[in-house]
Amino acid sequence: MTKMLKIKKVSASYGLIQVLKDISFEVKEKEIVSIIGPNGAGKSTLVKTIMGIVPPISGEIWFENEKIHGLTPYSIVKKGITLIPEGRKIFPKMTVEENLMLGAYVVADKGKVKDAKERGYQIFPILKKKAKKLAKTLSGGQQQMLVIGRSLMSNPKLLILDEPSLGLAPILVEKVLDTVRKINEEGVTILLVEQNIRDSLDIANRGYVIEQGQIVLQGKGKELLCNNHIKEVYLGL
């Protein structure tokens, strides 16, 4: 498989506090790669650095053999990377359909926008049913569906999800991760940042473990589930 995203010795900080320390990893085309680790390990900082929100203090970020560190977030989205941030950020006083359409702001082709919207409705039929309702009337699980559907409006090549299951009931977590798998099966490469260790590694081709801003473990998803450190520290076994 072709390397789609390559992170090479990336460090990042907030002021004098260094959060990422020489992080290196890669995501190959059509993979699901999980990034796991405890709170405060640097997972969210990592995705913000990839998206150009937090500038790296050193290292390189490559996407489809092109350097993207130093580009604006808007330019990075136009290249084909979309981030679903932590916390289900919707526009509550806009309709479901209006929220979806905001995800297409980098797409000039109206035909592609229409196709992307219909694709979102096919994945999440409830969104079509509630298209004219205000987004604030949706349940937590439906809001997460809306955020994922909105992210697909830009036809991303790489979709980054930061804690998509946060705050959801277990049955909804299963549904969200099943949706992630289906999106991947349609050809979208996935970088999944999750505290839900067991489920995220279960659907991942490969995984990386971040602790204190450094990658301490890597391997195939199901192999990491059998790792003694993972079982003891994260799964309580």
Foldseek 3Di string as FASTA:
>chain_A
DAWFKWWAQWWFADVPGTQAGGATDTFGFLFEEEEEEDPSLCLLVVVCCQLQNTATPDTFMDGPNHTDRVPHSVVSVLVFEFELDPDLDFDQQAFLQVRLLVLQPSPPDVVLLVVLLVVLCVLPVVCVVRRRPGLNPDDPLVSLSSSVSSPCSNVGQEYEYAASCPPHDPVSSVVVLVSVLVVSVVGRGYYYYHLPLLSSLVSGQKYFYGGSNYTDDIDGSVVVVVDPCCCVPRVVD
